[in-house]
Amino acid sequence: MKHLTLVLSALLALGVAACDEKTETKVTEKSTVDGTTIERTTTQTQTTDDHGNTTTEYHHETTVDPEGAMNAETTEETVTETEDVHSAE
């Protein structure tokens, strides 16, 4: 059982080491003259595999909150871009 645990731990470490991931989040907020607040959160996650191929995911969440109670509306959008620099052989 100890051998199996050691092998699984090694495989997990190799899998984690094979990918490089970087995440960045940006939040912007503005208010309009009529009292509406608009908040936009953008999270960019870029993953690079052991072949140098990159995948970038952009997740946008926008909340529009007009003046008044309980009337905020949130929309979400996710866009994924993939760049294959080297193909797996």
PDB file of N, CA and C in Angstrom:
ATOM      1  N   MET A   1       0.821  -1.192   0.000  1.00  0.00           N
ATOM      2  CA  MET A   1       0.000   0.000   0.000  1.00  0.00           C
ATOM      3  C   MET A   1       0.865   1.256   0.000  1.00  0.00           C
ATOM      4  N   LYS A   2       1.973   1.234   0.737  1.00  0.00           N
ATOM      5  CA  LYS A   2       2.858   2.392   0.779  1.00  0.00           C
ATOM      6  C   LYS A   2       3.455   2.652  -0.600  1.00  0.00           C
ATOM      7  N   HIS A   3       3.766   1.576  -1.327  1.00  0.00           N
ATOM      8  CA  HIS A   3       4.340   1.721  -2.670  1.00  0.00           C
ATOM      9  C   HIS A   3       3.342   2.400  -3.607  1.00  0.00           C
ATOM     10  N   LEU A   4       2.077   1.987  -3.538  1.00  0.00           N
ATOM     11  CA  LEU A   4       1.038   2.570  -4.383  1.00  0.00           C
ATOM     12  C   LEU A   4       0.869   4.058  -4.062  1.00  0.00           C
ATOM     13  N   THR A   5       0.871   4.413  -2.797  1.00  0.00           N
ATOM     14  CA  THR A   5       0.744   5.809  -2.396  1.00  0.00           C
ATOM     15  C   THR A   5       1.917   6.630  -2.916  1.00  0.00           C
ATOM     16  N   LEU A   6       3.103   6.077  -2.839  1.00  0.00           N
ATOM     17  CA  LEU A   6       4.290   6.765  -3.320  1.00  0.00           C
ATOM     18  C   LEU A   6       4.221   6.986  -4.834  1.00  0.00           C
ATOM     19  N   VAL A   7       3.789   5.976  -5.573  1.00  0.00           N
ATOM     20  CA  VAL A   7       3.671   6.085  -7.026  1.00  0.00           C
ATOM     21  C   VAL A   7       2.614   7.126  -7.393  1.00  0.00           C
ATOM     22  N   LEU A   8       1.464   7.099  -6.736  1.00  0.00           N
ATOM     23  CA  LEU A   8       0.411   8.070  -7.027  1.00  0.00           C
ATOM     24  C   LEU A   8       0.862   9.493  -6.695  1.00  0.00           C
ATOM     25  N   SER A   9       1.596   9.652  -5.610  1.00  0.00           N
ATOM     26  CA  SER A   9       2.117  10.975  -5.244  1.00  0.00           C
ATOM     27  C   SER A   9       3.098  11.476  -6.291  1.00  0.00           C
ATOM     28  N   ALA A  10       3.949  10.607  -6.802  1.00  0.00           N
ATOM     29  CA  ALA A  10       4.913  10.988  -7.833  1.00  0.00           C
ATOM     30  C   ALA A  10       4.203  11.388  -9.122  1.00  0.00           C
ATOM     31  N   LEU A  11       3.177  10.637  -9.510  1.00  0.00           N
ATOM     32  CA  LEU A  11       2.425  10.963 -10.720  1.00  0.00           C
ATOM     33  C   LEU A  11       1.702  12.300 -10.577  1.00  0.00           C
ATOM     34  N   LEU A  12       1.144  12.547  -9.414  1.00  0.00           N
ATOM     35  CA  LEU A  12       0.467  13.809  -9.166  1.00  0.00           C
ATOM     36  C   LEU A  12       1.461  14.964  -9.245  1.00  0.00           C
ATOM     37  N   ALA A  13       2.630  14.791  -8.671  1.00  0.00           N
ATOM     38  CA  ALA A  13       3.657  15.839  -8.715  1.00  0.00           C
ATOM     39  C   ALA A  13       4.103  16.105 -10.151  1.00  0.00           C
ATOM     40  N   LEU A  14       4.241  15.076 -10.952  1.00  0.00           N
ATOM     41  CA  LEU A  14       4.621  15.254 -12.351  1.00  0.00           C
ATOM     42  C   LEU A  14       3.533  15.969 -13.121  1.00  0.00           C
ATOM     43  N   GLY A  15       2.293  15.631 -12.858  1.00  0.00           N
ATOM     44  CA  GLY A  15       1.175  16.278 -13.540  1.00  0.00           C
ATOM     45  C   GLY A  15       1.093  17.751 -13.203  1.00  0.00           C
ATOM     46  N   VAL A  16       1.308  18.095 -11.953  1.00  0.00           N
ATOM     47  CA  VAL A  16       1.271  19.492 -11.541  1.00  0.00           C
ATOM     48  C   VAL A  16       2.466  20.247 -12.116  1.00  0.00           C
ATOM     49  N   ALA A  17       3.625  19.611 -12.132  1.00  0.00           N
ATOM     50  CA  ALA A  17       4.828  20.264 -12.643  1.00  0.00           C
ATOM     51  C   ALA A  17       4.768  20.454 -14.155  1.00  0.00           C
ATOM     52  N   ALA A  18       3.982  19.640 -14.849  1.00  0.00           N
ATOM     53  CA  ALA A  18       3.936  19.707 -16.308  1.00  0.00           C
ATOM     54  C   ALA A  18       3.176  20.927 -16.811  1.00  0.00           C
ATOM     55  N   CYS A  19       2.340  21.523 -15.983  1.00  0.00           N
ATOM     56  CA  CYS A  19       1.565  22.688 -16.394  1.00  0.00           C
ATOM     57  C   CYS A  19       1.926  23.894 -15.546  1.00  0.00           C
ATOM     58  N   ASP A  20       2.006  25.031 -16.191  1.00  0.00           N
ATOM     59  CA  ASP A  20       2.259  26.289 -15.500  1.00  0.00           C
ATOM     60  C   ASP A  20       0.997  27.123 -15.630  1.00  0.00           C
ATOM     61  N   GLU A  21       0.453  27.601 -14.501  1.00  0.00           N
ATOM     62  CA  GLU A  21      -0.790  28.362 -14.538  1.00  0.00           C
ATOM     63  C   GLU A  21      -0.604  29.711 -13.860  1.00  0.00           C
ATOM     64  N   LYS A  22      -1.127  30.738 -14.502  1.00  0.00           N
ATOM     65  CA  LYS A  22      -1.039  32.094 -13.968  1.00  0.00           C
ATOM     66  C   LYS A  22      -2.437  32.710 -14.033  1.00  0.00           C
ATOM     67  N   THR A  23      -2.898  33.270 -12.903  1.00  0.00           N
ATOM     68  CA  THR A  23      -4.225  33.872 -12.845  1.00  0.00           C
ATOM     69  C   THR A  23      -4.108  35.332 -12.413  1.00  0.00           C
ATOM     70  N   GLU A  24      -4.869  36.175 -13.101  1.00  0.00           N
ATOM     71  CA  GLU A  24      -4.869  37.606 -12.797  1.00  0.00           C
ATOM     72  C   GLU A  24      -6.317  38.098 -12.801  1.00  0.00           C
ATOM     73  N   THR A  25      -6.685  38.899 -11.788  1.00  0.00           N
ATOM     74  CA  THR A  25      -8.045  39.418 -11.697  1.00  0.00           C
ATOM     75  C   THR A  25      -8.010  40.944 -11.651  1.00  0.00           C
ATOM     76  N   LYS A  26      -8.919  41.553 -12.410  1.00  0.00           N
ATOM     77  CA  LYS A  26      -9.018  43.011 -12.457  1.00  0.00           C
ATOM     78  C   LYS A  26     -10.480  43.396 -12.206  1.00  0.00           C
ATOM     79  N   VAL A  27     -10.687  44.349 -11.286  1.00  0.00           N
ATOM     80  CA  VAL A  27     -12.036  44.811 -10.966  1.00  0.00           C
ATOM     81  C   VAL A  27     -12.107  46.311 -11.252  1.00  0.00           C
ATOM     82  N   THR A  28     -13.122  46.701 -12.030  1.00  0.00           N
ATOM     83  CA  THR A  28     -13.358  48.125 -12.279  1.00  0.00           C
ATOM     84  C   THR A  28     -14.778  48.457 -11.849  1.00  0.00           C
ATOM     85  N   GLU A  29     -14.948  49.645 -11.319  1.00  0.00           N
ATOM     86  CA  GLU A  29     -16.278  50.082 -10.881  1.00  0.00           C
ATOM     87  C   GLU A  29     -16.458  51.543 -11.263  1.00  0.00           C
ATOM     88  N   LYS A  30     -17.650  51.858 -11.758  1.00  0.00           N
ATOM     89  CA  LYS A  30     -17.953  53.242 -12.072  1.00  0.00           C
ATOM     90  C   LYS A  30     -19.417  53.504 -11.771  1.00  0.00           C
ATOM     91  N   SER A  31     -19.737  54.769 -11.591  1.00  0.00           N
ATOM     92  CA  SER A  31     -21.113  55.192 -11.348  1.00  0.00           C
ATOM     93  C   SER A  31     -21.506  56.205 -12.405  1.00  0.00           C
ATOM     94  N   THR A  32     -22.762  56.118 -12.820  1.00  0.00           N
ATOM     95  CA  THR A  32     -23.276  57.067 -13.798  1.00  0.00           C
ATOM     96  C   THR A  32     -23.989  58.208 -13.066  1.00  0.00           C
ATOM     97  N   VAL A  33     -24.324  59.260 -13.788  1.00  0.00           N
ATOM     98  CA  VAL A  33     -24.975  60.415 -13.164  1.00  0.00           C
ATOM     99  C   VAL A  33     -26.361  60.084 -12.617  1.00  0.00           C
ATOM    100  N   ASP A  34     -27.010  59.056 -13.153  1.00  0.00           N
ATOM    101  CA  ASP A  34     -28.342  58.698 -12.652  1.00  0.00           C
ATOM    102  C   ASP A  34     -28.290  57.738 -11.465  1.00  0.00           C
ATOM    103  N   GLY A  35     -27.078  57.454 -10.939  1.00  0.00           N
ATOM    104  CA  GLY A  35     -26.953  56.625  -9.737  1.00  0.00           C
ATOM    105  C   GLY A  35     -26.733  55.149 -10.006  1.00  0.00           C
ATOM    106  N   THR A  36     -26.561  54.751 -11.243  1.00  0.00           N
ATOM    107  CA  THR A  36     -26.310  53.355 -11.577  1.00  0.00           C
ATOM    108  C   THR A  36     -24.841  53.026 -11.335  1.00  0.00           C
ATOM    109  N   THR A  37     -24.602  51.923 -10.641  1.00  0.00           N
ATOM    110  CA  THR A  37     -23.240  51.450 -10.400  1.00  0.00           C
ATOM    111  C   THR A  37     -22.973  50.269 -11.327  1.00  0.00           C
ATOM    112  N   ILE A  38     -21.825  50.296 -12.008  1.00  0.00           N
ATOM    113  CA  ILE A  38     -21.439  49.204 -12.905  1.00  0.00           C
ATOM    114  C   ILE A  38     -20.103  48.661 -12.420  1.00  0.00           C
ATOM    115  N   GLU A  39     -20.102  47.378 -12.093  1.00  0.00           N
ATOM    116  CA  GLU A  39     -18.870  46.724 -11.640  1.00  0.00           C
ATOM    117  C   GLU A  39     -18.542  45.591 -12.604  1.00  0.00           C
ATOM    118  N   ARG A  40     -17.303  45.585 -13.074  1.00  0.00           N
ATOM    119  CA  ARG A  40     -16.872  44.546 -14.015  1.00  0.00           C
ATOM    120  C   ARG A  40     -15.640  43.853 -13.444  1.00  0.00           C
ATOM    121  N   THR A  41     -15.733  42.534 -13.326  1.00  0.00           N
ATOM    122  CA  THR A  41     -14.616  41.727 -12.854  1.00  0.00           C
ATOM    123  C   THR A  41     -14.155  40.844 -14.008  1.00  0.00           C
ATOM    124  N   THR A  42     -12.864  40.926 -14.325  1.00  0.00           N
ATOM    125  CA  THR A  42     -12.291  40.101 -15.384  1.00  0.00           C
ATOM    126  C   THR A  42     -11.184  39.248 -14.768  1.00  0.00           C
ATOM    127  N   THR A  43     -11.319  37.937 -14.931  1.00  0.00           N
ATOM    128  CA  THR A  43     -10.293  37.009 -14.463  1.00  0.00           C
ATOM    129  C   THR A  43      -9.678  36.344 -15.678  1.00  0.00           C
ATOM    130  N   GLN A  44      -8.352  36.455 -15.789  1.00  0.00           N
ATOM    131  CA  GLN A  44      -7.616  35.837 -16.894  1.00  0.00           C
ATOM    132  C   GLN A  44      -6.759  34.726 -16.322  1.00  0.00           C
ATOM    133  N   THR A  45      -6.962  33.520 -16.820  1.00  0.00           N
ATOM    134  CA  THR A  45      -6.172  32.366 -16.396  1.00  0.00           C
ATOM    135  C   THR A  45      -5.440  31.824 -17.607  1.00  0.00           C
ATOM    136  N   GLN A  46      -4.107  31.770 -17.518  1.00  0.00           N
ATOM    137  CA  GLN A  46      -3.294  31.273 -18.623  1.00  0.00           C
ATOM    138  C   GLN A  46      -2.559  30.018 -18.161  1.00  0.00           C
ATOM    139  N   THR A  47      -2.721  28.961 -18.929  1.00  0.00           N
ATOM    140  CA  THR A  47      -2.082  27.683 -18.632  1.00  0.00           C
ATOM    141  C   THR A  47      -1.150  27.320 -19.779  1.00  0.00           C
ATOM    142  N   THR A  48       0.061  26.910 -19.433  1.00  0.00           N
ATOM    143  CA  THR A  48       1.037  26.466 -20.433  1.00  0.00           C
ATOM    144  C   THR A  48       1.400  25.022 -20.122  1.00  0.00           C
ATOM    145  N   ASP A  49       1.254  24.136 -21.127  1.00  0.00           N
ATOM    146  CA  ASP A  49       1.590  22.732 -20.894  1.00  0.00           C
ATOM    147  C   ASP A  49       3.082  22.497 -21.123  1.00  0.00           C
ATOM    148  N   ASP A  50       3.506  21.259 -20.947  1.00  0.00           N
ATOM    149  CA  ASP A  50       4.934  20.929 -21.056  1.00  0.00           C
ATOM    150  C   ASP A  50       5.466  21.011 -22.486  1.00  0.00           C
ATOM    151  N   HIS A  51       4.580  21.229 -23.482  1.00  0.00           N
ATOM    152  CA  HIS A  51       5.002  21.388 -24.876  1.00  0.00           C
ATOM    153  C   HIS A  51       5.057  22.867 -25.282  1.00  0.00           C
ATOM    154  N   GLY A  52       4.688  23.772 -24.366  1.00  0.00           N
ATOM    155  CA  GLY A  52       4.687  25.197 -24.664  1.00  0.00           C
ATOM    156  C   GLY A  52       3.371  25.719 -25.218  1.00  0.00           C
ATOM    157  N   ASN A  53       2.369  24.857 -25.341  1.00  0.00           N
ATOM    158  CA  ASN A  53       1.056  25.282 -25.813  1.00  0.00           C
ATOM    159  C   ASN A  53       0.354  26.054 -24.696  1.00  0.00           C
ATOM    160  N   THR A  54      -0.326  27.148 -25.055  1.00  0.00           N
ATOM    161  CA  THR A  54      -1.000  27.957 -24.043  1.00  0.00           C
ATOM    162  C   THR A  54      -2.504  27.986 -24.267  1.00  0.00           C
ATOM    163  N   THR A  55      -3.215  28.012 -23.160  1.00  0.00           N
ATOM    164  CA  THR A  55      -4.655  28.192 -23.161  1.00  0.00           C
ATOM    165  C   THR A  55      -4.946  29.359 -22.234  1.00  0.00           C
ATOM    166  N   THR A  56      -5.663  30.349 -22.753  1.00  0.00           N
ATOM    167  CA  THR A  56      -6.018  31.506 -21.948  1.00  0.00           C
ATOM    168  C   THR A  56      -7.533  31.570 -21.853  1.00  0.00           C
ATOM    169  N   GLU A  57      -8.022  31.655 -20.616  1.00  0.00           N
ATOM    170  CA  GLU A  57      -9.462  31.763 -20.383  1.00  0.00           C
ATOM    171  C   GLU A  57      -9.748  33.120 -19.760  1.00  0.00           C
ATOM    172  N   TYR A  58     -10.692  33.839 -20.354  1.00  0.00           N
ATOM    173  CA  TYR A  58     -11.129  35.132 -19.845  1.00  0.00           C
ATOM    174  C   TYR A  58     -12.548  34.957 -19.317  1.00  0.00           C
ATOM    175  N   HIS A  59     -12.750  35.266 -18.045  1.00  0.00           N
ATOM    176  CA  HIS A  59     -14.085  35.191 -17.461  1.00  0.00           C
ATOM    177  C   HIS A  59     -14.483  36.608 -17.055  1.00  0.00           C
ATOM    178  N   HIS A  60     -15.566  37.109 -17.674  1.00  0.00           N
ATOM    179  CA  HIS A  60     -16.055  38.464 -17.413  1.00  0.00           C
ATOM    180  C   HIS A  60     -17.371  38.365 -16.646  1.00  0.00           C
ATOM    181  N   GLU A  61     -17.469  39.122 -15.562  1.00  0.00           N
ATOM    182  CA  GLU A  61     -18.715  39.211 -14.812  1.00  0.00           C
ATOM    183  C   GLU A  61     -19.039  40.688 -14.650  1.00  0.00           C
ATOM    184  N   THR A  62     -20.200  41.105 -15.131  1.00  0.00           N
ATOM    185  CA  THR A  62     -20.605  42.506 -15.075  1.00  0.00           C
ATOM    186  C   THR A  62     -21.901  42.627 -14.274  1.00  0.00           C
ATOM    187  N   THR A  63     -21.877  43.504 -13.278  1.00  0.00           N
ATOM    188  CA  THR A  63     -23.063  43.759 -12.470  1.00  0.00           C
ATOM    189  C   THR A  63     -23.486  45.204 -12.683  1.00  0.00           C
ATOM    190  N   VAL A  64     -24.732  45.374 -13.102  1.00  0.00           N
ATOM    191  CA  VAL A  64     -25.315  46.702 -13.281  1.00  0.00           C
ATOM    192  C   VAL A  64     -26.363  46.863 -12.183  1.00  0.00           C
ATOM    193  N   ASP A  65     -26.171  47.895 -11.352  1.00  0.00           N
ATOM    194  CA  ASP A  65     -27.048  48.102 -10.205  1.00  0.00           C
ATOM    195  C   ASP A  65     -27.631  49.514 -10.255  1.00  0.00           C
ATOM    196  N   PRO A  66     -28.823  49.655 -10.859  1.00  0.00           N
ATOM    197  CA  PRO A  66     -29.472  50.968 -10.870  1.00  0.00           C
ATOM    198  C   PRO A  66     -29.839  51.391  -9.443  1.00  0.00           C
ATOM    199  N   GLU A  67     -29.972  52.688  -9.259  1.00  0.00           N
ATOM    200  CA  GLU A  67     -30.334  53.189  -7.937  1.00  0.00           C
ATOM    201  C   GLU A  67     -31.670  52.578  -7.512  1.00  0.00           C
ATOM    202  N   GLY A  68     -31.751  52.163  -6.271  1.00  0.00           N
ATOM    203  CA  GLY A  68     -32.948  51.513  -5.749  1.00  0.00           C
ATOM    204  C   GLY A  68     -32.559  50.188  -5.115  1.00  0.00           C
ATOM    205  N   ALA A  69     -33.515  49.537  -4.495  1.00  0.00           N
ATOM    206  CA  ALA A  69     -33.224  48.300  -3.767  1.00  0.00           C
ATOM    207  C   ALA A  69     -33.566  47.069  -4.601  1.00  0.00           C
ATOM    208  N   MET A  70     -32.698  46.055  -4.503  1.00  0.00           N
ATOM    209  CA  MET A  70     -32.950  44.721  -5.064  1.00  0.00           C
ATOM    210  C   MET A  70     -33.181  44.694  -6.575  1.00  0.00           C
ATOM    211  N   ASN A  71     -32.453  45.499  -7.319  1.00  0.00           N
ATOM    212  CA  ASN A  71     -32.659  45.499  -8.762  1.00  0.00           C
ATOM    213  C   ASN A  71     -31.350  45.345  -9.547  1.00  0.00           C
ATOM    214  N   ALA A  72     -30.323  44.769  -8.925  1.00  0.00           N
ATOM    215  CA  ALA A  72     -29.046  44.544  -9.609  1.00  0.00           C
ATOM    216  C   ALA A  72     -29.182  43.383 -10.584  1.00  0.00           C
ATOM    217  N   GLU A  73     -28.448  43.465 -11.682  1.00  0.00           N
ATOM    218  CA  GLU A  73     -28.462  42.398 -12.690  1.00  0.00           C
ATOM    219  C   GLU A  73     -27.018  42.051 -13.046  1.00  0.00           C
ATOM    220  N   THR A  74     -26.707  40.753 -13.026  1.00  0.00           N
ATOM    221  CA  THR A  74     -25.346  40.292 -13.306  1.00  0.00           C
ATOM    222  C   THR A  74     -25.341  39.415 -14.540  1.00  0.00           C
ATOM    223  N   THR A  75     -24.377  39.660 -15.428  1.00  0.00           N
ATOM    224  CA  THR A  75     -24.178  38.807 -16.604  1.00  0.00           C
ATOM    225  C   THR A  75     -22.759  38.262 -16.567  1.00  0.00           C
ATOM    226  N   GLU A  76     -22.580  37.070 -17.120  1.00  0.00           N
ATOM    227  CA  GLU A  76     -21.269  36.421 -17.159  1.00  0.00           C
ATOM    228  C   GLU A  76     -20.968  35.942 -18.570  1.00  0.00           C
ATOM    229  N   GLU A  77     -19.678  35.964 -18.898  1.00  0.00           N
ATOM    230  CA  GLU A  77     -19.224  35.485 -20.202  1.00  0.00           C
ATOM    231  C   GLU A  77     -17.830  34.881 -20.021  1.00  0.00           C
ATOM    232  N   THR A  78     -17.597  33.746 -20.664  1.00  0.00           N
ATOM    233  CA  THR A  78     -16.283  33.109 -20.630  1.00  0.00           C
ATOM    234  C   THR A  78     -15.825  32.869 -22.061  1.00  0.00           C
ATOM    235  N   VAL A  79     -14.580  33.288 -22.338  1.00  0.00           N
ATOM    236  CA  VAL A  79     -13.975  33.113 -23.663  1.00  0.00           C
ATOM    237  C   VAL A  79     -12.663  32.361 -23.466  1.00  0.00           C
ATOM    238  N   THR A  80     -12.430  31.339 -24.288  1.00  0.00           N
ATOM    239  CA  THR A  80     -11.197  30.556 -24.206  1.00  0.00           C
ATOM    240  C   THR A  80     -10.448  30.643 -25.525  1.00  0.00           C
ATOM    241  N   GLU A  81      -9.144  30.941 -25.422  1.00  0.00           N
ATOM    242  CA  GLU A  81      -8.270  30.992 -26.593  1.00  0.00           C
ATOM    243  C   GLU A  81      -7.150  29.976 -26.400  1.00  0.00           C
ATOM    244  N   THR A  82      -6.841  29.230 -27.454  1.00  0.00           N
ATOM    245  CA  THR A  82      -5.780  28.222 -27.390  1.00  0.00           C
ATOM    246  C   THR A  82      -4.763  28.512 -28.471  1.00  0.00           C
ATOM    247  N   GLU A  83      -3.475  28.436 -28.085  1.00  0.00           N
ATOM    248  CA  GLU A  83      -2.396  28.613 -29.039  1.00  0.00           C
ATOM    249  C   GLU A  83      -1.494  27.381 -28.980  1.00  0.00           C
ATOM    250  N   ASP A  84      -1.493  26.610 -30.055  1.00  0.00           N
ATOM    251  CA  ASP A  84      -0.654  25.415 -30.135  1.00  0.00           C
ATOM    252  C   ASP A  84       0.683  25.784 -30.765  1.00  0.00           C
ATOM    253  N   VAL A  85       1.685  25.927 -29.900  1.00  0.00           N
ATOM    254  CA  VAL A  85       3.014  26.272 -30.369  1.00  0.00           C
ATOM    255  C   VAL A  85       3.743  25.017 -30.823  1.00  0.00           C
ATOM    256  N   HIS A  86       3.617  23.978 -30.062  1.00  0.00           N
ATOM    257  CA  HIS A  86       4.232  22.689 -30.375  1.00  0.00           C
ATOM    258  C   HIS A  86       3.177  21.606 -30.234  1.00  0.00           C
ATOM    259  N   SER A  87       3.099  20.725 -31.160  1.00  0.00           N
ATOM    260  CA  SER A  87       2.144  19.634 -31.059  1.00  0.00           C
ATOM    261  C   SER A  87       2.768  18.489 -30.276  1.00  0.00           C
ATOM    262  N   ALA A  88       1.927  17.767 -29.560  1.00  0.00           N
ATOM    263  CA  ALA A  88       2.389  16.608 -28.786  1.00  0.00           C
ATOM    264  C   ALA A  88       2.777  15.487 -29.738  1.00  0.00           C
ATOM    265  N   GLU A  89       3.874  14.864 -29.460  1.00  0.00           N
ATOM    266  CA  GLU A  89       4.338  13.788 -30.343  1.00  0.00           C
ATOM    267  C   GLU A  89       4.241  12.454 -29.660  1.00  0.00           C
TER     268      GLU A  89
END
